[in-house]
């Protein structure tokens, strides 16, 4: 169970510049789910507390890491903040830009990078980002040239210039390295120019050098 005492939240120092009001804040979050019942006899529903009285915040320009042991509730907290919980009961308050989080507006301003990278193996890194831009950037607001400029900007931010024209690949098709693949997955979400980005197990399965590189890139993007 994650509590305010057992949860380790590490924040990267932002640039020394005036910060706008806003950000994401959460206070006294408690999340309970129904525990599995076994046996033939009818028993009262039992609930398991996954999060208990957890509070925190993340402001513009900050990168916040949630650390904890396996099964401590890290993903549950992340999903609660991202509005992705589909079961259980969540209590507490979550605000964005100083106001109660509006699900519809929040989904347009926040993105979520899954632990599993879902991309077409035959696409190059550049083609993958172009495809994401074509699908997710509205043509009424972005011209083709602006979409291409956004793709090039994301490639530069994520330091993917040397891999831009290499296929993403998978277990059957040789492609980019694990770290480059993860950065491409981040780029798919980054093309929409989100204000807030959630990453689930962003360094899972990467060697220490690749993991450090991914963290450095994410920190740099947060400071942009």
C-alpha atoms as a PDB file:
ATOM      1  CA  UNK A   1       0.000   0.000   0.000  1.00  0.00           C
ATOM      2  CA  UNK A   2       1.335   3.422  -0.889  1.00  0.00           C
ATOM      3  CA  UNK A   3       1.187   6.019   1.866  1.00  0.00           C
ATOM      4  CA  UNK A   4       2.702   9.463   2.139  1.00  0.00           C
ATOM      5  CA  UNK A   5       5.449   7.901   4.296  1.00  0.00           C
ATOM      6  CA  UNK A   6       6.281   4.917   2.061  1.00  0.00           C
ATOM      7  CA  UNK A   7       6.221   6.793  -1.228  1.00  0.00           C
ATOM      8  CA  UNK A   8       9.447   8.355  -2.489  1.00  0.00           C
ATOM      9  CA  UNK A   9       8.813  11.246  -4.858  1.00  0.00           C
ATOM     10  CA  UNK A  10      11.927  12.699  -6.482  1.00  0.00           C
ATOM     11  CA  UNK A  11      11.721  16.060  -8.222  1.00  0.00           C
ATOM     12  CA  UNK A  12      14.188  17.480 -10.726  1.00  0.00           C
ATOM     13  CA  UNK A  13      15.054  21.124 -10.185  1.00  0.00           C
ATOM     14  CA  UNK A  14      13.471  23.337 -12.863  1.00  0.00           C
ATOM     15  CA  UNK A  15      15.150  26.323 -14.472  1.00  0.00           C
ATOM     16  CA  UNK A  16      15.305  29.456 -12.360  1.00  0.00           C
ATOM     17  CA  UNK A  17      12.543  31.382 -14.105  1.00  0.00           C
ATOM     18  CA  UNK A  18       9.096  32.654 -13.130  1.00  0.00           C
ATOM     19  CA  UNK A  19       6.588  29.813 -13.183  1.00  0.00           C
ATOM     20  CA  UNK A  20       2.968  30.307 -14.196  1.00  0.00           C
ATOM     21  CA  UNK A  21       0.233  29.409 -11.795  1.00  0.00           C
ATOM     22  CA  UNK A  22      -1.167  25.969 -12.378  1.00  0.00           C
ATOM     23  CA  UNK A  23       0.223  22.492 -12.437  1.00  0.00           C
ATOM     24  CA  UNK A  24      -1.259  19.282 -11.112  1.00  0.00           C
ATOM     25  CA  UNK A  25      -1.996  18.900  -7.406  1.00  0.00           C
ATOM     26  CA  UNK A  26      -3.460  15.986  -5.490  1.00  0.00           C
ATOM     27  CA  UNK A  27      -4.511  15.904  -1.848  1.00  0.00           C
ATOM     28  CA  UNK A  28      -5.397  13.032   0.469  1.00  0.00           C
ATOM     29  CA  UNK A  29      -5.894  10.462  -2.285  1.00  0.00           C
ATOM     30  CA  UNK A  30      -7.219   7.151  -1.022  1.00  0.00           C
ATOM     31  CA  UNK A  31      -7.919   4.338  -3.465  1.00  0.00           C
ATOM     32  CA  UNK A  32      -9.670   1.089  -2.550  1.00  0.00           C
ATOM     33  CA  UNK A  33     -10.506  -1.954  -4.630  1.00  0.00           C
ATOM     34  CA  UNK A  34     -12.663  -4.973  -3.861  1.00  0.00           C
ATOM     35  CA  UNK A  35     -10.495  -7.919  -2.872  1.00  0.00           C
ATOM     36  CA  UNK A  36     -11.008 -11.323  -4.461  1.00  0.00           C
ATOM     37  CA  UNK A  37     -13.487 -13.538  -2.638  1.00  0.00           C
ATOM     38  CA  UNK A  38     -13.002 -17.289  -2.632  1.00  0.00           C
ATOM     39  CA  UNK A  39     -15.167 -20.158  -1.554  1.00  0.00           C
ATOM     40  CA  UNK A  40     -18.793 -21.107  -2.023  1.00  0.00           C
ATOM     41  CA  UNK A  41     -20.214 -19.280   0.981  1.00  0.00           C
ATOM     42  CA  UNK A  42     -21.441 -15.728   0.495  1.00  0.00           C
ATOM     43  CA  UNK A  43     -19.182 -13.322   2.341  1.00  0.00           C
ATOM     44  CA  UNK A  44     -19.298  -9.555   2.846  1.00  0.00           C
ATOM     45  CA  UNK A  45     -17.276  -7.642   0.270  1.00  0.00           C
ATOM     46  CA  UNK A  46     -13.779  -6.907   1.508  1.00  0.00           C
ATOM     47  CA  UNK A  47     -11.810  -3.913   0.278  1.00  0.00           C
ATOM     48  CA  UNK A  48      -8.077  -3.497  -0.130  1.00  0.00           C
ATOM     49  CA  UNK A  49      -6.551  -0.046   0.345  1.00  0.00           C
ATOM     50  CA  UNK A  50      -3.990   0.583  -2.399  1.00  0.00           C
ATOM     51  CA  UNK A  51      -3.370   4.291  -1.769  1.00  0.00           C
ATOM     52  CA  UNK A  52      -3.865   5.985   1.577  1.00  0.00           C
ATOM     53  CA  UNK A  53      -3.831   9.732   2.161  1.00  0.00           C
ATOM     54  CA  UNK A  54      -1.310  10.510  -0.602  1.00  0.00           C
ATOM     55  CA  UNK A  55      -0.652  14.158  -1.492  1.00  0.00           C
ATOM     56  CA  UNK A  56       1.732  15.883  -3.881  1.00  0.00           C
ATOM     57  CA  UNK A  57       2.102  18.232  -6.820  1.00  0.00           C
ATOM     58  CA  UNK A  58       3.958  18.796 -10.070  1.00  0.00           C
ATOM     59  CA  UNK A  59       4.421  22.268 -11.504  1.00  0.00           C
ATOM     60  CA  UNK A  60       5.290  23.467 -15.025  1.00  0.00           C
ATOM     61  CA  UNK A  61       8.924  22.700 -15.840  1.00  0.00           C
ATOM     62  CA  UNK A  62       9.246  19.924 -13.264  1.00  0.00           C
ATOM     63  CA  UNK A  63       9.902  16.219 -13.712  1.00  0.00           C
ATOM     64  CA  UNK A  64       8.610  14.068 -10.852  1.00  0.00           C
ATOM     65  CA  UNK A  65       9.579  10.416 -10.367  1.00  0.00           C
ATOM     66  CA  UNK A  66       7.460   8.049  -8.271  1.00  0.00           C
ATOM     67  CA  UNK A  67       9.600   5.379  -6.633  1.00  0.00           C
ATOM     68  CA  UNK A  68       8.537   2.365  -4.600  1.00  0.00           C
ATOM     69  CA  UNK A  69       8.839  -1.374  -4.217  1.00  0.00           C
ATOM     70  CA  UNK A  70       7.042  -3.805  -6.503  1.00  0.00           C
ATOM     71  CA  UNK A  71       3.315  -3.828  -5.781  1.00  0.00           C
ATOM     72  CA  UNK A  72       3.475  -0.646  -3.710  1.00  0.00           C
ATOM     73  CA  UNK A  73       0.901   1.130  -5.876  1.00  0.00           C
ATOM     74  CA  UNK A  74       3.032   3.283  -8.182  1.00  0.00           C
ATOM     75  CA  UNK A  75       0.997   2.489 -11.290  1.00  0.00           C
ATOM     76  CA  UNK A  76      -2.247   2.920  -9.353  1.00  0.00           C
ATOM     77  CA  UNK A  77      -1.199   6.423  -8.313  1.00  0.00           C
ATOM     78  CA  UNK A  78      -0.133   7.256 -11.864  1.00  0.00           C
ATOM     79  CA  UNK A  79      -3.429   5.972 -13.275  1.00  0.00           C
ATOM     80  CA  UNK A  80      -5.381   7.890 -10.640  1.00  0.00           C
ATOM     81  CA  UNK A  81      -3.648  11.138 -11.555  1.00  0.00           C
ATOM     82  CA  UNK A  82      -4.078  10.471 -15.279  1.00  0.00           C
ATOM     83  CA  UNK A  83      -7.785   9.685 -14.896  1.00  0.00           C
ATOM     84  CA  UNK A  84      -7.373   6.107 -16.099  1.00  0.00           C
ATOM     85  CA  UNK A  85      -8.843   4.143 -13.191  1.00  0.00           C
ATOM     86  CA  UNK A  86     -11.722   1.927 -14.294  1.00  0.00           C
ATOM     87  CA  UNK A  87     -12.426   0.050 -11.062  1.00  0.00           C
ATOM     88  CA  UNK A  88     -12.406   0.717  -7.350  1.00  0.00           C
ATOM     89  CA  UNK A  89     -13.190   3.838  -5.345  1.00  0.00           C
ATOM     90  CA  UNK A  90     -11.008   6.946  -5.382  1.00  0.00           C
ATOM     91  CA  UNK A  91     -11.369   9.616  -2.717  1.00  0.00           C
ATOM     92  CA  UNK A  92      -9.520  12.906  -2.373  1.00  0.00           C
ATOM     93  CA  UNK A  93      -8.997  15.926  -4.572  1.00  0.00           C
ATOM     94  CA  UNK A  94      -7.137  16.353  -7.871  1.00  0.00           C
ATOM     95  CA  UNK A  95      -6.819  19.822  -9.387  1.00  0.00           C
ATOM     96  CA  UNK A  96      -5.255  21.057 -12.621  1.00  0.00           C
ATOM     97  CA  UNK A  97      -4.469  24.734 -13.158  1.00  0.00           C
ATOM     98  CA  UNK A  98      -5.987  25.426  -9.767  1.00  0.00           C
ATOM     99  CA  UNK A  99      -9.384  24.012 -10.730  1.00  0.00           C
ATOM    100  CA  UNK A 100     -11.125  20.699 -10.299  1.00  0.00           C
ATOM    101  CA  UNK A 101      -9.868  18.420 -13.050  1.00  0.00           C
ATOM    102  CA  UNK A 102     -12.236  18.372 -16.018  1.00  0.00           C
ATOM    103  CA  UNK A 103     -11.954  14.922 -17.676  1.00  0.00           C
ATOM    104  CA  UNK A 104     -12.660  16.133 -21.214  1.00  0.00           C
ATOM    105  CA  UNK A 105     -10.299  19.111 -21.119  1.00  0.00           C
ATOM    106  CA  UNK A 106      -7.650  17.192 -19.190  1.00  0.00           C
ATOM    107  CA  UNK A 107      -7.437  14.461 -21.853  1.00  0.00           C
ATOM    108  CA  UNK A 108      -6.622  17.102 -24.466  1.00  0.00           C
ATOM    109  CA  UNK A 109      -3.772  18.522 -22.387  1.00  0.00           C
ATOM    110  CA  UNK A 110      -2.215  15.392 -20.886  1.00  0.00           C
ATOM    111  CA  UNK A 111      -0.770  12.276 -22.532  1.00  0.00           C
ATOM    112  CA  UNK A 112       0.149   8.841 -21.215  1.00  0.00           C
ATOM    113  CA  UNK A 113       3.122   6.786 -22.426  1.00  0.00           C
ATOM    114  CA  UNK A 114       2.419   3.089 -21.903  1.00  0.00           C
ATOM    115  CA  UNK A 115       5.044   0.712 -20.535  1.00  0.00           C
ATOM    116  CA  UNK A 116       4.658  -1.403 -23.689  1.00  0.00           C
ATOM    117  CA  UNK A 117       5.759   0.363 -26.869  1.00  0.00           C
ATOM    118  CA  UNK A 118       3.097  -0.103 -29.566  1.00  0.00           C
ATOM    119  CA  UNK A 119       4.502   0.968 -32.942  1.00  0.00           C
ATOM    120  CA  UNK A 120       4.734  -0.395 -36.480  1.00  0.00           C
ATOM    121  CA  UNK A 121       8.010  -2.291 -36.849  1.00  0.00           C
ATOM    122  CA  UNK A 122       8.367  -1.448 -40.555  1.00  0.00           C
ATOM    123  CA  UNK A 123       8.077   2.301 -40.019  1.00  0.00           C
ATOM    124  CA  UNK A 124      11.186   4.390 -39.501  1.00  0.00           C
ATOM    125  CA  UNK A 125      11.370   6.672 -36.480  1.00  0.00           C
ATOM    126  CA  UNK A 126      10.523   9.666 -38.673  1.00  0.00           C
ATOM    127  CA  UNK A 127       7.607   7.855 -40.343  1.00  0.00           C
ATOM    128  CA  UNK A 128       6.263   6.819 -36.940  1.00  0.00           C
ATOM    129  CA  UNK A 129       6.209  10.422 -35.744  1.00  0.00           C
ATOM    130  CA  UNK A 130       4.743  11.640 -39.043  1.00  0.00           C
ATOM    131  CA  UNK A 131       1.979   9.059 -38.721  1.00  0.00           C
ATOM    132  CA  UNK A 132       1.218  10.218 -35.173  1.00  0.00           C
ATOM    133  CA  UNK A 133       1.186  13.853 -36.287  1.00  0.00           C
ATOM    134  CA  UNK A 134      -1.129  13.090 -39.219  1.00  0.00           C
ATOM    135  CA  UNK A 135      -3.604  11.307 -36.952  1.00  0.00           C
ATOM    136  CA  UNK A 136      -3.511  13.557 -33.911  1.00  0.00           C
ATOM    137  CA  UNK A 137      -2.790  17.101 -35.069  1.00  0.00           C
ATOM    138  CA  UNK A 138      -6.009  18.597 -36.499  1.00  0.00           C
ATOM    139  CA  UNK A 139      -5.647  19.773 -40.095  1.00  0.00           C
ATOM    140  CA  UNK A 140      -7.806  22.794 -39.282  1.00  0.00           C
ATOM    141  CA  UNK A 141      -5.052  24.054 -36.972  1.00  0.00           C
ATOM    142  CA  UNK A 142      -1.869  22.643 -38.552  1.00  0.00           C
ATOM    143  CA  UNK A 143      -0.721  22.804 -42.163  1.00  0.00           C
ATOM    144  CA  UNK A 144       1.334  19.888 -43.559  1.00  0.00           C
ATOM    145  CA  UNK A 145       4.447  22.056 -43.253  1.00  0.00           C
ATOM    146  CA  UNK A 146       3.692  22.795 -39.599  1.00  0.00           C
ATOM    147  CA  UNK A 147       3.170  19.107 -38.881  1.00  0.00           C
ATOM    148  CA  UNK A 148       6.507  18.273 -40.491  1.00  0.00           C
ATOM    149  CA  UNK A 149       8.185  21.040 -38.496  1.00  0.00           C
ATOM    150  CA  UNK A 150       6.720  19.587 -35.312  1.00  0.00           C
ATOM    151  CA  UNK A 151       8.056  16.124 -36.199  1.00  0.00           C
ATOM    152  CA  UNK A 152      11.533  17.538 -36.802  1.00  0.00           C
ATOM    153  CA  UNK A 153      11.367  19.458 -33.539  1.00  0.00           C
ATOM    154  CA  UNK A 154      10.464  16.311 -31.588  1.00  0.00           C
ATOM    155  CA  UNK A 155      13.291  14.363 -33.259  1.00  0.00           C
ATOM    156  CA  UNK A 156      15.713  17.069 -32.174  1.00  0.00           C
ATOM    157  CA  UNK A 157      14.348  17.236 -28.627  1.00  0.00           C
ATOM    158  CA  UNK A 158      14.638  13.475 -28.186  1.00  0.00           C
ATOM    159  CA  UNK A 159      18.101  13.331 -29.783  1.00  0.00           C
ATOM    160  CA  UNK A 160      16.942  10.902 -32.443  1.00  0.00           C
ATOM    161  CA  UNK A 161      18.644  12.519 -35.449  1.00  0.00           C
ATOM    162  CA  UNK A 162      20.990   9.579 -36.036  1.00  0.00           C
ATOM    163  CA  UNK A 163      18.115   7.063 -35.848  1.00  0.00           C
ATOM    164  CA  UNK A 164      15.445   9.108 -37.626  1.00  0.00           C
ATOM    165  CA  UNK A 165      15.561   7.050 -40.830  1.00  0.00           C
ATOM    166  CA  UNK A 166      16.055   3.653 -39.171  1.00  0.00           C
ATOM    167  CA  UNK A 167      13.146   1.250 -38.844  1.00  0.00           C
ATOM    168  CA  UNK A 168      11.661   0.941 -35.369  1.00  0.00           C
ATOM    169  CA  UNK A 169      11.798  -2.856 -35.571  1.00  0.00           C
ATOM    170  CA  UNK A 170      10.637  -5.510 -33.132  1.00  0.00           C
ATOM    171  CA  UNK A 171      11.641  -9.000 -32.001  1.00  0.00           C
ATOM    172  CA  UNK A 172      11.503 -10.189 -35.644  1.00  0.00           C
ATOM    173  CA  UNK A 173      12.694  -7.084 -37.504  1.00  0.00           C
ATOM    174  CA  UNK A 174      16.006  -5.493 -36.646  1.00  0.00           C
ATOM    175  CA  UNK A 175      15.629  -1.846 -35.765  1.00  0.00           C
ATOM    176  CA  UNK A 176      16.637   0.878 -33.339  1.00  0.00           C
ATOM    177  CA  UNK A 177      18.078   0.278 -29.871  1.00  0.00           C
ATOM    178  CA  UNK A 178      15.891  -0.117 -26.791  1.00  0.00           C
ATOM    179  CA  UNK A 179      16.573   3.417 -25.629  1.00  0.00           C
ATOM    180  CA  UNK A 180      15.835   4.870 -29.070  1.00  0.00           C
ATOM    181  CA  UNK A 181      12.638   2.839 -29.242  1.00  0.00           C
ATOM    182  CA  UNK A 182      11.464   4.193 -25.891  1.00  0.00           C
ATOM    183  CA  UNK A 183      12.277   7.758 -26.931  1.00  0.00           C
ATOM    184  CA  UNK A 184      10.308   7.223 -30.147  1.00  0.00           C
ATOM    185  CA  UNK A 185       7.360   6.015 -28.089  1.00  0.00           C
ATOM    186  CA  UNK A 186       7.608   9.195 -26.023  1.00  0.00           C
ATOM    187  CA  UNK A 187       7.792  11.199 -29.248  1.00  0.00           C
ATOM    188  CA  UNK A 188       4.508   9.727 -30.485  1.00  0.00           C
ATOM    189  CA  UNK A 189       2.803  11.473 -27.564  1.00  0.00           C
ATOM    190  CA  UNK A 190       5.020  14.538 -27.639  1.00  0.00           C
ATOM    191  CA  UNK A 191       3.974  15.558 -31.161  1.00  0.00           C
ATOM    192  CA  UNK A 192       0.642  16.764 -29.749  1.00  0.00           C
ATOM    193  CA  UNK A 193       2.480  19.391 -27.663  1.00  0.00           C
ATOM    194  CA  UNK A 194       0.968  18.258 -24.343  1.00  0.00           C
ATOM    195  CA  UNK A 195       1.174  20.274 -21.154  1.00  0.00           C
ATOM    196  CA  UNK A 196       1.528  17.180 -19.002  1.00  0.00           C
ATOM    197  CA  UNK A 197       3.032  13.771 -19.713  1.00  0.00           C
ATOM    198  CA  UNK A 198       2.673  10.567 -17.694  1.00  0.00           C
ATOM    199  CA  UNK A 199       5.179   7.757 -18.279  1.00  0.00           C
ATOM    200  CA  UNK A 200       4.608   4.269 -16.885  1.00  0.00           C
ATOM    201  CA  UNK A 201       7.869   2.365 -16.237  1.00  0.00           C
ATOM    202  CA  UNK A 202       9.729   4.498 -18.768  1.00  0.00           C
ATOM    203  CA  UNK A 203      13.075   2.768 -18.158  1.00  0.00           C
ATOM    204  CA  UNK A 204      11.828  -0.803 -17.722  1.00  0.00           C
ATOM    205  CA  UNK A 205      13.979  -3.320 -19.605  1.00  0.00           C
ATOM    206  CA  UNK A 206      16.689  -0.790 -20.495  1.00  0.00           C
ATOM    207  CA  UNK A 207      20.344  -0.992 -19.532  1.00  0.00           C
ATOM    208  CA  UNK A 208      21.644   1.648 -17.113  1.00  0.00           C
ATOM    209  CA  UNK A 209      23.110   3.872 -19.835  1.00  0.00           C
ATOM    210  CA  UNK A 210      19.939   3.841 -21.951  1.00  0.00           C
ATOM    211  CA  UNK A 211      17.792   4.421 -18.870  1.00  0.00           C
ATOM    212  CA  UNK A 212      19.891   7.443 -17.894  1.00  0.00           C
ATOM    213  CA  UNK A 213      19.649   8.805 -21.440  1.00  0.00           C
ATOM    214  CA  UNK A 214      15.851   8.494 -21.430  1.00  0.00           C
ATOM    215  CA  UNK A 215      15.631  10.280 -18.063  1.00  0.00           C
ATOM    216  CA  UNK A 216      17.886  13.088 -19.272  1.00  0.00           C
ATOM    217  CA  UNK A 217      15.807  13.549 -22.412  1.00  0.00           C
ATOM    218  CA  UNK A 218      12.539  13.640 -20.459  1.00  0.00           C
ATOM    219  CA  UNK A 219      14.002  16.201 -18.059  1.00  0.00           C
ATOM    220  CA  UNK A 220      15.172  18.377 -20.964  1.00  0.00           C
ATOM    221  CA  UNK A 221      11.726  18.202 -22.578  1.00  0.00           C
ATOM    222  CA  UNK A 222      10.103  19.242 -19.282  1.00  0.00           C
ATOM    223  CA  UNK A 223      12.291  22.333 -19.221  1.00  0.00           C
ATOM    224  CA  UNK A 224      11.447  23.386 -22.782  1.00  0.00           C
END
